[in-house]
Amino acid sequence: MIRREQEPAWPRVAFACYLGVCACALVWPGYALAGDRIEPFVLGLPFAFAWTIGWVLAAFLGLLVFHGLAGPKDRG
């Protein structure tokens, strides 16, 4: 049996928590408390639409950071 070195679990745990925050901002109660309104307009978009786009982009950027922190062993 080949034994690999133990890799730190903190990047996975931190990424899971980050995605949890992003998900909570897009569903009730996060969306109802902060994102459920039309005004003000952000770049010509209603605030609710800009809120959703912003959190999806934040999750994508978090995924890029996680991918950069993951070692080559984690990438397959």
Protein backbone atom coordinates (compact mmCIF):
# COMPACT_ATOMS: atom_id res chain seq x y z
CA MET A 1 0.00 0.00 0.00
CA ILE A 2 1.36 3.40 -0.99
CA ARG A 3 1.13 5.95 1.76
CA ARG A 4 0.62 9.58 0.82
CA GLU A 5 1.39 12.52 3.02
CA GLN A 6 -1.56 14.00 4.84
CA GLU A 7 -2.68 17.15 3.10
CA PRO A 8 -4.21 19.98 5.12
CA ALA A 9 -7.99 19.99 5.12
CA TRP A 10 -8.38 23.73 5.73
CA PRO A 11 -8.70 24.74 2.04
CA ARG A 12 -11.59 22.34 1.54
CA VAL A 13 -13.31 23.37 4.76
CA ALA A 14 -12.84 27.08 4.03
CA PHE A 15 -14.17 26.65 0.49
CA ALA A 16 -17.20 24.70 1.72
CA CYS A 17 -17.97 27.46 4.26
CA TYR A 18 -17.52 30.13 1.57
CA LEU A 19 -19.91 28.35 -0.78
CA GLY A 20 -22.35 27.98 2.11
CA VAL A 21 -22.32 31.75 2.63
CA CYS A 22 -22.81 32.32 -1.11
CA ALA A 23 -25.73 29.88 -1.15
CA CYS A 24 -27.36 31.48 1.90
CA ALA A 25 -27.18 34.88 0.21
CA LEU A 26 -29.14 33.51 -2.76
CA VAL A 27 -31.96 31.78 -0.84
CA TRP A 28 -34.24 32.68 2.02
CA PRO A 29 -33.53 34.42 4.43
CA GLY A 30 -30.42 36.05 2.92
CA TYR A 31 -32.09 37.03 -0.31
CA ALA A 32 -35.27 38.20 1.42
CA LEU A 33 -33.34 40.39 3.86
CA ALA A 34 -30.92 42.08 1.47
CA GLY A 35 -31.50 41.27 -2.18
CA ASP A 36 -35.26 41.34 -2.64
CA ARG A 37 -35.80 44.83 -4.03
CA ILE A 38 -35.78 46.55 -7.39
CA GLU A 39 -34.12 49.86 -6.61
CA PRO A 40 -31.36 51.06 -6.68
CA PHE A 41 -30.33 50.11 -10.18
CA VAL A 42 -26.80 48.74 -10.56
CA LEU A 43 -25.30 49.24 -14.01
CA GLY A 44 -28.82 49.51 -15.39
CA LEU A 45 -29.97 46.26 -13.80
CA PRO A 46 -32.49 45.94 -10.99
CA PHE A 47 -30.79 45.37 -7.66
CA ALA A 48 -32.24 41.86 -7.26
CA PHE A 49 -30.69 40.75 -10.55
CA ALA A 50 -27.36 42.43 -9.77
CA TRP A 51 -27.40 40.75 -6.31
CA THR A 52 -27.76 37.31 -7.89
CA ILE A 53 -25.11 37.94 -10.55
CA GLY A 54 -22.72 39.30 -7.92
CA TRP A 55 -23.00 36.24 -5.70
CA VAL A 56 -22.64 33.83 -8.61
CA LEU A 57 -19.47 35.69 -9.67
CA ALA A 58 -18.23 35.62 -6.06
CA ALA A 59 -18.71 31.84 -5.96
CA PHE A 60 -16.83 31.50 -9.27
CA LEU A 61 -13.93 33.62 -8.00
CA GLY A 62 -13.84 31.51 -4.84
CA LEU A 63 -13.62 28.40 -6.99
CA LEU A 64 -10.68 29.90 -8.88
CA VAL A 65 -8.90 30.70 -5.61
CA PHE A 66 -9.57 27.19 -4.29
CA HIS A 67 -8.23 25.69 -7.50
CA GLY A 68 -5.09 27.81 -7.16
CA LEU A 69 -4.59 26.75 -3.53
CA ALA A 70 -5.13 23.07 -4.27
CA GLY A 71 -1.94 21.22 -4.90
CA PRO A 72 -1.25 19.29 -8.10
CA LYS A 73 -2.17 16.07 -6.26
CA ASP A 74 -5.73 17.33 -5.74
CA ARG A 75 -6.22 18.21 -9.39
CA GLY A 76 -6.30 14.63 -10.57
